Amino acid sequence: MRYKVLEAGELADGGKRIVKVKEMEIGIFRIDGRYYAWRNLCPHAAAPICAGTLRGTRLPSGVYDYQFGLENQVLRCPWHGWEFDLTSGRHLAQGSKAKLRGYPVEADETGIYVVIGD
């Protein structure tokens, strides 16, 4: 089922909003013009993950070669600092299988919608 969560153009690029759909809190993020929706529960300890900060992170690189990337695409958990890629929902720790629970987002001139199966 499709649920309207925001008006069209209501969320600026790089922005986030926490909404409630079917008694669930869901974070809506806009990154490089695309929308992402993630359940507001960290898979580590059920923290309100979407209340965390948006930032970048260090990329894999050689010794003493520190490269920064993914600016405003990394969501950091406010409780324990776990970091997740907002475009895939994957935890950034090497070898981790942890992932945020996501939902499809549809955007058109009438609004921003989250699609949740019933």
N, C-alpha and C. Protein backbone atom coordinates (compact mmCIF):
# COMPACT_ATOMS: atom_id res chain seq x y z
N MET A 1 0.84 -1.18 0.00
CA MET A 1 0.00 0.00 0.00
C MET A 1 0.89 1.24 0.00
N ARG A 2 0.43 2.28 -0.63
CA ARG A 2 1.18 3.52 -0.80
C ARG A 2 0.68 4.57 0.19
N TYR A 3 1.60 5.17 0.97
CA TYR A 3 1.24 6.15 1.99
C TYR A 3 1.95 7.47 1.71
N LYS A 4 1.18 8.53 1.63
CA LYS A 4 1.77 9.85 1.43
C LYS A 4 2.41 10.31 2.74
N VAL A 5 3.71 10.69 2.67
CA VAL A 5 4.42 11.08 3.87
C VAL A 5 4.88 12.54 3.84
N LEU A 6 5.05 13.11 2.64
CA LEU A 6 5.49 14.49 2.50
C LEU A 6 4.88 15.10 1.24
N GLU A 7 4.81 16.40 1.22
CA GLU A 7 4.39 17.11 0.02
C GLU A 7 5.57 17.14 -0.96
N ALA A 8 5.28 17.24 -2.24
CA ALA A 8 6.33 17.35 -3.25
C ALA A 8 7.18 18.58 -2.95
N GLY A 9 8.49 18.43 -3.01
CA GLY A 9 9.39 19.56 -2.79
C GLY A 9 9.57 19.96 -1.33
N GLU A 10 8.98 19.21 -0.40
CA GLU A 10 9.05 19.58 1.02
C GLU A 10 10.41 19.26 1.64
N LEU A 11 11.14 18.32 1.06
CA LEU A 11 12.42 17.89 1.65
C LEU A 11 13.56 18.31 0.74
N ALA A 12 14.45 19.15 1.25
CA ALA A 12 15.60 19.63 0.47
C ALA A 12 16.62 18.51 0.30
N ASP A 13 17.44 18.61 -0.73
CA ASP A 13 18.50 17.64 -0.94
C ASP A 13 19.43 17.63 0.27
N GLY A 14 19.78 16.45 0.75
CA GLY A 14 20.60 16.31 1.96
C GLY A 14 19.78 16.34 3.23
N GLY A 15 18.48 16.47 3.11
CA GLY A 15 17.61 16.58 4.28
C GLY A 15 17.04 15.24 4.72
N LYS A 16 16.46 15.26 5.91
CA LYS A 16 15.79 14.07 6.44
C LYS A 16 14.56 14.49 7.22
N ARG A 17 13.62 13.58 7.33
CA ARG A 17 12.41 13.81 8.10
C ARG A 17 11.96 12.47 8.65
N ILE A 18 11.55 12.44 9.89
CA ILE A 18 11.02 11.22 10.49
C ILE A 18 9.50 11.33 10.49
N VAL A 19 8.85 10.32 9.90
CA VAL A 19 7.39 10.31 9.77
C VAL A 19 6.85 9.04 10.42
N LYS A 20 5.54 9.02 10.61
CA LYS A 20 4.90 7.83 11.18
C LYS A 20 3.95 7.25 10.15
N VAL A 21 4.12 5.96 9.87
CA VAL A 21 3.26 5.23 8.94
C VAL A 21 2.88 3.91 9.60
N LYS A 22 1.59 3.64 9.70
CA LYS A 22 1.12 2.39 10.31
C LYS A 22 1.77 2.13 11.68
N GLU A 23 1.82 3.14 12.50
CA GLU A 23 2.41 3.04 13.85
C GLU A 23 3.91 2.79 13.86
N MET A 24 4.58 2.94 12.71
CA MET A 24 6.03 2.78 12.62
C MET A 24 6.66 4.13 12.32
N GLU A 25 7.80 4.40 12.93
CA GLU A 25 8.56 5.58 12.56
C GLU A 25 9.49 5.21 11.42
N ILE A 26 9.50 6.05 10.40
CA ILE A 26 10.32 5.83 9.21
C ILE A 26 11.05 7.13 8.90
N GLY A 27 12.35 7.02 8.64
CA GLY A 27 13.13 8.18 8.24
C GLY A 27 13.12 8.30 6.73
N ILE A 28 12.80 9.49 6.24
CA ILE A 28 12.83 9.79 4.81
C ILE A 28 14.05 10.67 4.56
N PHE A 29 14.89 10.27 3.63
CA PHE A 29 16.12 10.98 3.31
C PHE A 29 16.14 11.32 1.83
N ARG A 30 16.69 12.49 1.50
CA ARG A 30 16.86 12.86 0.09
C ARG A 30 18.35 13.08 -0.15
N ILE A 31 18.92 12.25 -1.02
CA ILE A 31 20.35 12.30 -1.32
C ILE A 31 20.52 12.37 -2.83
N ASP A 32 21.18 13.41 -3.28
CA ASP A 32 21.41 13.61 -4.71
C ASP A 32 20.12 13.47 -5.52
N GLY A 33 19.04 14.03 -4.99
CA GLY A 33 17.77 14.03 -5.70
C GLY A 33 16.95 12.75 -5.59
N ARG A 34 17.50 11.72 -4.94
CA ARG A 34 16.76 10.46 -4.78
C ARG A 34 16.28 10.34 -3.34
N TYR A 35 15.15 9.66 -3.16
CA TYR A 35 14.56 9.48 -1.83
C TYR A 35 14.80 8.06 -1.33
N TYR A 36 15.05 7.96 -0.01
CA TYR A 36 15.25 6.67 0.65
C TYR A 36 14.41 6.67 1.92
N ALA A 37 13.85 5.51 2.26
CA ALA A 37 13.04 5.37 3.48
C ALA A 37 13.58 4.20 4.29
N TRP A 38 13.91 4.47 5.57
CA TRP A 38 14.46 3.44 6.46
C TRP A 38 13.68 3.43 7.76
N ARG A 39 13.40 2.24 8.25
CA ARG A 39 12.72 2.08 9.55
C ARG A 39 13.61 2.70 10.62
N ASN A 40 13.03 3.39 11.56
CA ASN A 40 13.77 4.12 12.58
C ASN A 40 14.19 3.22 13.74
N LEU A 41 14.82 2.09 13.40
CA LEU A 41 15.32 1.15 14.41
C LEU A 41 16.70 0.66 13.98
N CYS A 42 17.70 0.91 14.79
CA CYS A 42 19.03 0.40 14.50
C CYS A 42 19.03 -1.12 14.72
N PRO A 43 19.59 -1.89 13.79
CA PRO A 43 19.59 -3.35 13.95
C PRO A 43 20.49 -3.82 15.10
N HIS A 44 21.32 -2.95 15.62
CA HIS A 44 22.22 -3.33 16.72
C HIS A 44 21.48 -3.37 18.06
N ALA A 45 20.81 -2.27 18.41
CA ALA A 45 20.17 -2.21 19.73
C ALA A 45 18.85 -1.45 19.72
N ALA A 46 18.20 -1.38 18.56
CA ALA A 46 16.88 -0.75 18.40
C ALA A 46 16.87 0.74 18.73
N ALA A 47 18.00 1.40 18.58
CA ALA A 47 18.08 2.84 18.79
C ALA A 47 17.29 3.56 17.69
N PRO A 48 16.90 4.81 17.94
CA PRO A 48 16.22 5.59 16.90
C PRO A 48 17.26 6.07 15.86
N ILE A 49 17.64 5.18 14.98
CA ILE A 49 18.75 5.40 14.04
C ILE A 49 18.57 6.66 13.20
N CYS A 50 17.36 6.96 12.79
CA CYS A 50 17.13 8.09 11.89
C CYS A 50 17.33 9.44 12.58
N ALA A 51 17.45 9.44 13.90
CA ALA A 51 17.74 10.67 14.64
C ALA A 51 19.25 10.94 14.64
N GLY A 52 20.03 10.02 14.11
CA GLY A 52 21.48 10.19 14.07
C GLY A 52 21.91 11.24 13.07
N THR A 53 23.21 11.50 13.05
CA THR A 53 23.75 12.53 12.18
C THR A 53 24.06 11.98 10.79
N LEU A 54 23.98 12.87 9.81
CA LEU A 54 24.38 12.55 8.44
C LEU A 54 25.79 13.10 8.26
N ARG A 55 26.66 12.28 7.68
CA ARG A 55 28.04 12.68 7.50
C ARG A 55 28.66 11.87 6.39
N GLY A 56 29.94 12.00 6.23
CA GLY A 56 30.71 11.17 5.33
C GLY A 56 31.56 10.23 6.17
N THR A 57 32.50 9.56 5.53
CA THR A 57 33.36 8.64 6.26
C THR A 57 34.67 8.45 5.51
N ARG A 58 35.63 7.83 6.17
CA ARG A 58 36.88 7.50 5.49
C ARG A 58 36.64 6.30 4.58
N LEU A 59 37.21 6.37 3.40
CA LEU A 59 37.09 5.29 2.43
C LEU A 59 38.27 4.34 2.57
N PRO A 60 38.11 3.08 2.15
CA PRO A 60 39.26 2.17 2.16
C PRO A 60 40.39 2.76 1.32
N SER A 61 41.58 2.78 1.88
CA SER A 61 42.72 3.37 1.19
C SER A 61 44.01 2.79 1.76
N GLY A 62 45.11 3.18 1.17
CA GLY A 62 46.41 2.69 1.60
C GLY A 62 46.83 3.28 2.93
N VAL A 63 47.92 2.74 3.47
CA VAL A 63 48.47 3.21 4.73
C VAL A 63 48.85 4.69 4.60
N TYR A 64 48.47 5.49 5.56
CA TYR A 64 48.72 6.93 5.60
C TYR A 64 48.09 7.70 4.43
N ASP A 65 47.17 7.10 3.73
CA ASP A 65 46.47 7.74 2.63
C ASP A 65 45.00 7.79 3.03
N TYR A 66 44.61 8.86 3.71
CA TYR A 66 43.26 8.97 4.24
C TYR A 66 42.37 9.68 3.23
N GLN A 67 41.38 8.96 2.73
CA GLN A 67 40.45 9.52 1.76
C GLN A 67 39.06 9.60 2.37
N PHE A 68 38.45 10.76 2.24
CA PHE A 68 37.13 10.99 2.80
C PHE A 68 36.12 10.94 1.66
N GLY A 69 34.95 10.36 1.90
CA GLY A 69 33.93 10.28 0.87
C GLY A 69 32.55 10.04 1.43
N LEU A 70 31.61 9.80 0.53
CA LEU A 70 30.21 9.54 0.88
C LEU A 70 29.60 10.68 1.71
N GLU A 71 30.01 11.91 1.42
CA GLU A 71 29.52 13.07 2.16
C GLU A 71 27.99 13.09 2.20
N ASN A 72 27.44 13.22 3.39
CA ASN A 72 25.99 13.24 3.65
C ASN A 72 25.27 11.98 3.18
N GLN A 73 25.98 10.86 3.05
CA GLN A 73 25.37 9.59 2.67
C GLN A 73 25.51 8.54 3.77
N VAL A 74 26.10 8.92 4.89
CA VAL A 74 26.32 7.98 5.98
C VAL A 74 25.50 8.43 7.19
N LEU A 75 24.68 7.51 7.70
CA LEU A 75 23.87 7.77 8.88
C LEU A 75 24.55 7.12 10.08
N ARG A 76 24.84 7.93 11.09
CA ARG A 76 25.53 7.44 12.29
C ARG A 76 24.54 7.31 13.43
N CYS A 77 24.47 6.11 14.02
CA CYS A 77 23.55 5.84 15.11
C CYS A 77 23.87 6.74 16.31
N PRO A 78 22.85 7.36 16.90
CA PRO A 78 23.09 8.25 18.04
C PRO A 78 23.48 7.52 19.33
N TRP A 79 23.26 6.24 19.44
CA TRP A 79 23.59 5.52 20.67
C TRP A 79 25.00 4.94 20.67
N HIS A 80 25.37 4.20 19.64
CA HIS A 80 26.64 3.48 19.67
C HIS A 80 27.55 3.78 18.49
N GLY A 81 27.15 4.68 17.62
CA GLY A 81 28.01 5.12 16.53
C GLY A 81 28.10 4.22 15.32
N TRP A 82 27.26 3.19 15.24
CA TRP A 82 27.28 2.35 14.04
C TRP A 82 26.94 3.23 12.85
N GLU A 83 27.63 3.00 11.72
CA GLU A 83 27.41 3.81 10.53
C GLU A 83 26.82 2.97 9.40
N PHE A 84 25.85 3.56 8.69
CA PHE A 84 25.15 2.88 7.61
C PHE A 84 25.15 3.74 6.36
N ASP A 85 25.35 3.11 5.21
CA ASP A 85 25.25 3.78 3.92
C ASP A 85 23.77 4.00 3.62
N LEU A 86 23.36 5.24 3.46
CA LEU A 86 21.95 5.54 3.26
C LEU A 86 21.43 5.11 1.90
N THR A 87 22.30 4.88 0.94
CA THR A 87 21.82 4.47 -0.38
C THR A 87 21.56 2.97 -0.46
N SER A 88 22.18 2.19 0.44
CA SER A 88 21.98 0.74 0.43
C SER A 88 21.44 0.20 1.74
N GLY A 89 21.59 0.96 2.82
CA GLY A 89 21.17 0.51 4.15
C GLY A 89 22.19 -0.37 4.84
N ARG A 90 23.30 -0.66 4.19
CA ARG A 90 24.30 -1.58 4.74
C ARG A 90 25.19 -0.92 5.80
N HIS A 91 25.49 -1.70 6.84
CA HIS A 91 26.43 -1.29 7.87
C HIS A 91 27.81 -1.22 7.24
N LEU A 92 28.59 -0.19 7.58
CA LEU A 92 29.86 0.04 6.90
C LEU A 92 31.02 -0.82 7.42
N ALA A 93 30.87 -1.51 8.53
CA ALA A 93 31.96 -2.34 9.04
C ALA A 93 32.21 -3.50 8.09
N GLN A 94 33.47 -3.72 7.77
CA GLN A 94 33.84 -4.79 6.86
C GLN A 94 33.35 -6.14 7.38
N GLY A 95 32.67 -6.89 6.52
CA GLY A 95 32.18 -8.22 6.88
C GLY A 95 30.84 -8.24 7.60
N SER A 96 30.32 -7.08 7.98
CA SER A 96 29.05 -7.03 8.70
C SER A 96 27.89 -7.37 7.76
N LYS A 97 26.92 -8.09 8.29
CA LYS A 97 25.71 -8.40 7.52
C LYS A 97 24.52 -7.55 7.99
N ALA A 98 24.78 -6.66 8.96
CA ALA A 98 23.71 -5.79 9.47
C ALA A 98 23.25 -4.83 8.38
N LYS A 99 21.94 -4.59 8.37
CA LYS A 99 21.36 -3.70 7.36
C LYS A 99 20.11 -3.05 7.92
N LEU A 100 19.87 -1.81 7.51
CA LEU A 100 18.63 -1.14 7.88
C LEU A 100 17.48 -1.73 7.10
N ARG A 101 16.29 -1.67 7.66
CA ARG A 101 15.10 -2.15 6.94
C ARG A 101 14.55 -0.98 6.13
N GLY A 102 14.48 -1.18 4.83
CA GLY A 102 14.06 -0.10 3.95
C GLY A 102 12.73 -0.35 3.28
N TYR A 103 12.19 0.72 2.71
CA TYR A 103 10.92 0.68 2.00
C TYR A 103 11.06 1.45 0.69
N PRO A 104 10.37 1.02 -0.36
CA PRO A 104 10.40 1.77 -1.62
C PRO A 104 9.75 3.15 -1.43
N VAL A 105 10.30 4.12 -2.16
CA VAL A 105 9.76 5.48 -2.12
C VAL A 105 9.38 5.87 -3.55
N GLU A 106 8.22 6.49 -3.68
CA GLU A 106 7.77 7.02 -4.97
C GLU A 106 7.53 8.51 -4.81
N ALA A 107 8.02 9.28 -5.76
CA ALA A 107 7.85 10.74 -5.71
C ALA A 107 7.27 11.21 -7.04
N ASP A 108 6.31 12.09 -6.96
CA ASP A 108 5.76 12.72 -8.14
C ASP A 108 5.30 14.13 -7.76
N GLU A 109 4.60 14.80 -8.66
CA GLU A 109 4.17 16.19 -8.41
C GLU A 109 3.14 16.30 -7.29
N THR A 110 2.54 15.17 -6.88
CA THR A 110 1.53 15.22 -5.81
C THR A 110 2.11 14.97 -4.42
N GLY A 111 3.32 14.41 -4.35
CA GLY A 111 3.91 14.17 -3.04
C GLY A 111 4.96 13.08 -3.04
N ILE A 112 5.41 12.76 -1.83
CA ILE A 112 6.39 11.70 -1.59
C ILE A 112 5.65 10.58 -0.87
N TYR A 113 5.79 9.35 -1.38
CA TYR A 113 5.04 8.21 -0.86
C TYR A 113 5.98 7.08 -0.47
N VAL A 114 5.63 6.40 0.62
CA VAL A 114 6.33 5.18 1.03
C VAL A 114 5.41 4.01 0.72
N VAL A 115 5.99 2.94 0.18
CA VAL A 115 5.21 1.76 -0.18
C VAL A 115 5.50 0.66 0.85
N ILE A 116 4.45 0.21 1.53
CA ILE A 116 4.58 -0.81 2.56
C ILE A 116 3.60 -1.93 2.25
N GLY A 117 4.11 -3.14 2.17
CA GLY A 117 3.24 -4.29 1.92
C GLY A 117 2.36 -4.57 3.13
N ASP A 118 1.13 -4.95 2.89
CA ASP A 118 0.20 -5.25 4.00
C ASP A 118 0.03 -6.73 4.21
